[in-house]
C-alpha cells in the first residue's frame, strides 16, 4: 500500500499474498436447447461498480417468469428466445463499463488522468449524466428491444406507481402480468389482473401491460377494450 497508494496502513509481515486477476468473458449464447445460463455462468467481469449481483438477479428475474409461462402452457416455447435477445446485450454492456471503470481507476498517463477527472466532474455536476450512470450500474435503466413504432414505455422498467388498490410492485408479487389502465377496467374473461392506476406519471391516459419482472410489455396512450384484449392475448395468451 505504501508503494501503490503512498500510505502505510500498519499491516506488516504478510503470511500470504497473491495478485488479483479478473477475467472479462461472456458466453456467446445464453440458451442452447434446454440449457440456460444466467449470472456468473453467463458473464464474468471485474467487481468495479458492484454490477455483478444486480445483473445476475436481473437475469433470473427475466428468465424465471418466461420458464414458468412455458411450463404451465400459457406461452409458446419461442418466448424463451427473448431471454438471449434481452439479457445478452446487458451483459455485454456490463463487461464494458466495469472494465472501463477499472482501467480509469488505474490510469497513469496524463490524458487518462484528465479523462478521469472530466468524467468525475461530469457525474458530480450534471444531473442527467449521473442518472444515466446510476441506471446503467443498477441495471434498471436499460430498455429491452421493442417493435418498430412501439410506445416509448414499451421495454422499459415500470416504476412502483400508485394504484387504486395498492401499489404496482405489491401487485406483481403474485408473479402474473398486471394491466394498468387510467380507469377501472372490467374483467372480460382473460386470466390476468386488471388494476386501475391512480396516477401514472403525468399522463393519466396511458395504459400499460406490465410483465411479471416489472417491464412494460405493451403500452398505449389511448386504448379501447378491443385493443387491450388484443394486447393481453398477444403477450399473455
Protein backbone atom coordinates (compact mmCIF):
# COMPACT_ATOMS: atom_id res chain seq x y z
CA UNK A 1 0.00 0.00 0.00
CA UNK A 2 2.91 2.34 0.67
CA UNK A 3 4.28 1.85 -2.85
CA UNK A 4 0.91 1.87 -4.60
CA UNK A 5 -1.00 4.48 -2.60
CA UNK A 6 1.72 6.34 -0.75
CA UNK A 7 0.26 5.43 2.63
CA UNK A 8 1.21 2.91 5.28
CA UNK A 9 -1.84 1.23 6.83
CA UNK A 10 0.18 -0.55 9.51
CA UNK A 11 -0.11 -4.02 8.00
CA UNK A 12 3.20 -5.89 8.08
CA UNK A 13 4.63 -9.44 7.90
CA UNK A 14 2.03 -10.78 5.46
CA UNK A 15 1.56 -14.55 5.70
CA UNK A 16 0.19 -14.90 2.17
CA UNK A 17 -0.02 -12.62 -0.87
CA UNK A 18 -1.36 -13.07 -4.39
CA UNK A 19 -2.02 -10.99 -7.47
CA UNK A 20 -5.65 -10.10 -8.17
CA UNK A 21 -6.89 -11.06 -11.61
CA UNK A 22 -10.32 -10.71 -13.14
CA UNK A 23 -11.47 -12.03 -16.49
CA UNK A 24 -13.89 -10.25 -18.78
CA UNK A 25 -15.77 -13.01 -20.54
CA UNK A 26 -19.29 -13.65 -21.78
CA UNK A 27 -20.96 -16.76 -23.14
CA UNK A 28 -21.93 -16.26 -26.80
CA UNK A 29 -25.32 -17.89 -26.19
CA UNK A 30 -27.41 -17.82 -23.00
CA UNK A 31 -29.62 -20.63 -24.30
CA UNK A 32 -28.73 -23.85 -26.07
CA UNK A 33 -31.77 -26.11 -26.30
CA UNK A 34 -32.97 -26.83 -22.77
CA UNK A 35 -29.86 -25.35 -21.14
CA UNK A 36 -29.90 -21.73 -19.92
CA UNK A 37 -27.05 -19.67 -18.48
CA UNK A 38 -27.53 -16.82 -16.01
CA UNK A 39 -25.43 -14.79 -13.60
CA UNK A 40 -21.74 -15.65 -13.29
CA UNK A 41 -22.24 -18.70 -15.51
CA UNK A 42 -23.13 -16.34 -18.37
CA UNK A 43 -20.76 -13.44 -17.74
CA UNK A 44 -17.75 -12.69 -15.54
CA UNK A 45 -16.12 -9.30 -15.12
CA UNK A 46 -14.36 -7.06 -12.63
CA UNK A 47 -16.24 -6.14 -9.43
CA UNK A 48 -16.00 -2.42 -10.26
CA UNK A 49 -19.35 -0.71 -9.84
CA UNK A 50 -20.82 -3.67 -7.96
CA UNK A 51 -22.80 -4.72 -11.02
CA UNK A 52 -22.35 -8.49 -10.86
CA UNK A 53 -25.04 -9.37 -8.32
CA UNK A 54 -27.58 -6.97 -9.82
CA UNK A 55 -27.01 -8.34 -13.30
CA UNK A 56 -27.30 -11.94 -12.15
CA UNK A 57 -30.54 -11.35 -10.26
CA UNK A 58 -31.99 -9.49 -13.23
CA UNK A 59 -31.05 -12.40 -15.49
CA UNK A 60 -33.01 -14.68 -13.16
CA UNK A 61 -35.98 -12.31 -12.98
CA UNK A 62 -36.10 -12.10 -16.77
CA UNK A 63 -35.87 -15.85 -17.32
CA UNK A 64 -37.97 -17.23 -14.46
CA UNK A 65 -41.39 -15.90 -15.47
CA UNK A 66 -40.81 -17.00 -19.07
CA UNK A 67 -39.93 -20.52 -17.98
CA UNK A 68 -43.00 -20.63 -15.75
CA UNK A 69 -45.26 -19.40 -18.55
CA UNK A 70 -43.99 -22.04 -20.98
CA UNK A 71 -44.04 -24.90 -18.45
CA UNK A 72 -47.60 -24.02 -17.39
CA UNK A 73 -48.74 -23.86 -21.00
CA UNK A 74 -49.52 -20.13 -21.03
CA UNK A 75 -46.90 -19.26 -23.67
CA UNK A 76 -45.17 -20.80 -26.66
CA UNK A 77 -41.59 -22.04 -26.22
CA UNK A 78 -40.46 -19.28 -28.62
CA UNK A 79 -40.87 -16.86 -25.70
CA UNK A 80 -37.67 -18.31 -24.22
CA UNK A 81 -35.66 -16.96 -27.15
CA UNK A 82 -36.31 -13.43 -25.90
CA UNK A 83 -34.07 -14.14 -22.89
CA UNK A 84 -31.00 -14.06 -25.15
CA UNK A 85 -32.24 -11.01 -27.05
CA UNK A 86 -32.91 -9.01 -23.88
CA UNK A 87 -30.16 -10.04 -21.48
CA UNK A 88 -27.11 -10.70 -23.66
CA UNK A 89 -26.71 -7.01 -24.65
CA UNK A 90 -26.96 -6.04 -20.97
CA UNK A 91 -24.18 -8.45 -20.03
CA UNK A 92 -22.03 -7.07 -22.84
CA UNK A 93 -22.53 -3.51 -21.59
CA UNK A 94 -21.66 -4.54 -18.03
CA UNK A 95 -18.37 -6.03 -19.19
CA UNK A 96 -17.53 -2.81 -21.00
CA UNK A 97 -18.50 -0.47 -18.18
CA UNK A 98 -16.90 -2.43 -15.32
CA UNK A 99 -13.71 -2.89 -17.32
CA UNK A 100 -13.67 0.80 -18.19
CA UNK A 101 -14.04 1.78 -14.53
CA UNK A 102 -11.04 -0.35 -13.57
CA UNK A 103 -8.89 0.97 -16.39
CA UNK A 104 -9.69 4.56 -15.47
CA UNK A 105 -9.08 3.89 -11.77
CA UNK A 106 -5.60 2.55 -12.59
CA UNK A 107 -4.80 5.27 -15.13
CA UNK A 108 -1.33 6.80 -15.06
CA UNK A 109 -0.87 8.62 -18.35
CA UNK A 110 -1.72 12.35 -18.34
CA UNK A 111 -4.54 12.10 -20.87
CA UNK A 112 -6.11 9.23 -18.93
CA UNK A 113 -5.95 11.20 -15.69
CA UNK A 114 -7.52 14.20 -17.43
CA UNK A 115 -10.31 12.00 -18.79
CA UNK A 116 -10.97 10.53 -15.36
CA UNK A 117 -11.14 13.99 -13.80
CA UNK A 118 -13.51 15.21 -16.52
CA UNK A 119 -15.83 12.22 -16.11
CA UNK A 120 -15.84 12.60 -12.33
CA UNK A 121 -16.79 16.27 -12.66
CA UNK A 122 -19.49 15.41 -15.20
CA UNK A 123 -21.09 12.84 -12.90
CA UNK A 124 -20.86 15.17 -9.90
CA UNK A 125 -22.39 18.21 -11.57
CA UNK A 126 -24.67 17.11 -14.42
CA UNK A 127 -27.89 15.50 -13.25
CA UNK A 128 -28.86 13.67 -16.47
CA UNK A 129 -25.38 12.15 -16.76
CA UNK A 130 -25.50 10.99 -13.14
CA UNK A 131 -28.96 9.48 -13.56
CA UNK A 132 -27.86 7.68 -16.71
CA UNK A 133 -24.82 6.26 -14.92
CA UNK A 134 -26.92 5.14 -11.95
CA UNK A 135 -29.43 3.49 -14.29
CA UNK A 136 -26.66 1.58 -16.02
CA UNK A 137 -24.84 0.49 -12.87
CA UNK A 138 -28.04 -0.66 -11.14
CA UNK A 139 -29.31 -2.26 -14.34
CA UNK A 140 -32.73 -0.59 -14.17
CA UNK A 141 -32.02 1.97 -16.88
CA UNK A 142 -31.96 -0.46 -19.80
CA UNK A 143 -34.71 -0.63 -22.37
CA UNK A 144 -35.32 -4.06 -23.84
CA UNK A 145 -35.84 -4.35 -27.62
CA UNK A 146 -39.27 -3.14 -28.71
CA UNK A 147 -41.13 -3.47 -32.03
CA UNK A 148 -40.84 -0.62 -34.51
CA UNK A 149 -43.41 2.05 -33.73
CA UNK A 150 -43.97 0.80 -30.18
CA UNK A 151 -44.89 3.21 -27.39
CA UNK A 152 -41.91 4.88 -25.71
CA UNK A 153 -42.59 2.94 -22.49
CA UNK A 154 -42.51 -0.50 -24.14
CA UNK A 155 -39.45 -2.42 -22.95
CA UNK A 156 -38.71 -0.06 -20.06
CA UNK A 157 -38.86 -0.80 -16.35
CA UNK A 158 -42.10 0.50 -14.88
CA UNK A 159 -41.74 2.43 -11.59
CA UNK A 160 -43.72 1.49 -8.49
CA UNK A 161 -46.77 3.57 -9.36
CA UNK A 162 -49.70 4.01 -7.01
CA UNK A 163 -52.82 2.05 -7.91
CA UNK A 164 -56.32 2.48 -6.59
CA UNK A 165 -55.97 -0.92 -4.93
CA UNK A 166 -52.37 -0.58 -3.71
CA UNK A 167 -49.05 -0.27 -5.50
CA UNK A 168 -47.71 -1.90 -8.64
CA UNK A 169 -44.86 -3.85 -7.05
CA UNK A 170 -47.23 -5.32 -4.48
CA UNK A 171 -49.48 -6.48 -7.31
CA UNK A 172 -46.52 -8.04 -9.14
CA UNK A 173 -45.66 -10.29 -6.19
CA UNK A 174 -48.15 -12.82 -7.49
CA UNK A 175 -45.91 -13.46 -10.48
CA UNK A 176 -48.56 -12.51 -13.04
CA UNK A 177 -49.00 -9.76 -15.62
CA UNK A 178 -50.65 -6.57 -14.37
CA UNK A 179 -52.69 -4.29 -16.61
CA UNK A 180 -52.68 -0.65 -15.56
CA UNK A 181 -55.45 1.48 -17.05
CA UNK A 182 -56.49 5.10 -16.45
CA UNK A 183 -59.90 3.90 -15.28
CA UNK A 184 -61.22 0.71 -13.72
CA UNK A 185 -61.34 -1.96 -16.39
CA UNK A 186 -63.83 -4.77 -16.02
CA UNK A 187 -62.54 -8.32 -16.42
CA UNK A 188 -63.80 -9.78 -19.68
CA UNK A 189 -62.73 -13.34 -19.12
CA UNK A 190 -58.95 -13.27 -19.54
CA UNK A 191 -56.69 -14.76 -16.90
CA UNK A 192 -54.72 -11.74 -15.73
CA UNK A 193 -55.19 -8.91 -13.28
CA UNK A 194 -56.73 -5.56 -14.20
CA UNK A 195 -55.85 -2.85 -11.72
CA UNK A 196 -56.83 0.79 -12.14
CA UNK A 197 -53.99 3.27 -11.82
CA UNK A 198 -54.48 6.22 -9.53
CA UNK A 199 -51.63 8.18 -11.08
CA UNK A 200 -49.33 7.23 -13.95
CA UNK A 201 -46.54 9.78 -14.21
CA UNK A 202 -48.13 12.89 -15.76
CA UNK A 203 -50.19 11.06 -18.37
CA UNK A 204 -53.42 9.63 -17.00
CA UNK A 205 -54.43 8.25 -20.41
CA UNK A 206 -51.59 5.73 -20.62
CA UNK A 207 -52.49 2.05 -20.49
CA UNK A 208 -49.61 -0.33 -19.68
CA UNK A 209 -49.36 -4.11 -19.61
CA UNK A 210 -46.62 -4.90 -17.09
CA UNK A 211 -44.71 -8.18 -17.22
CA UNK A 212 -44.04 -10.18 -14.04
CA UNK A 213 -40.46 -8.84 -13.99
CA UNK A 214 -41.69 -5.23 -13.88
CA UNK A 215 -41.05 -4.28 -17.51
CA UNK A 216 -43.66 -2.91 -19.90
CA UNK A 217 -44.71 -5.49 -22.48
CA UNK A 218 -47.09 -3.07 -24.20
CA UNK A 219 -48.34 0.47 -23.73
CA UNK A 220 -50.70 2.91 -25.43
CA UNK A 221 -51.71 6.50 -24.74
CA UNK A 222 -55.29 5.69 -25.64
CA UNK A 223 -56.74 2.21 -25.87
CA UNK A 224 -60.26 0.84 -26.06
CA UNK A 225 -61.34 -2.54 -24.73
CA UNK A 226 -60.68 -4.29 -28.04
CA UNK A 227 -57.06 -3.09 -28.24
CA UNK A 228 -56.46 -4.04 -24.63
CA UNK A 229 -57.84 -7.53 -25.18
CA UNK A 230 -55.67 -7.91 -28.29
CA UNK A 231 -52.53 -6.88 -26.37
CA UNK A 232 -53.28 -9.20 -23.47
CA UNK A 233 -53.91 -12.11 -25.83
CA UNK A 234 -50.66 -11.41 -27.70
CA UNK A 235 -48.41 -11.24 -24.66
CA UNK A 236 -50.22 -13.31 -22.06
CA UNK A 237 -52.06 -15.92 -24.07
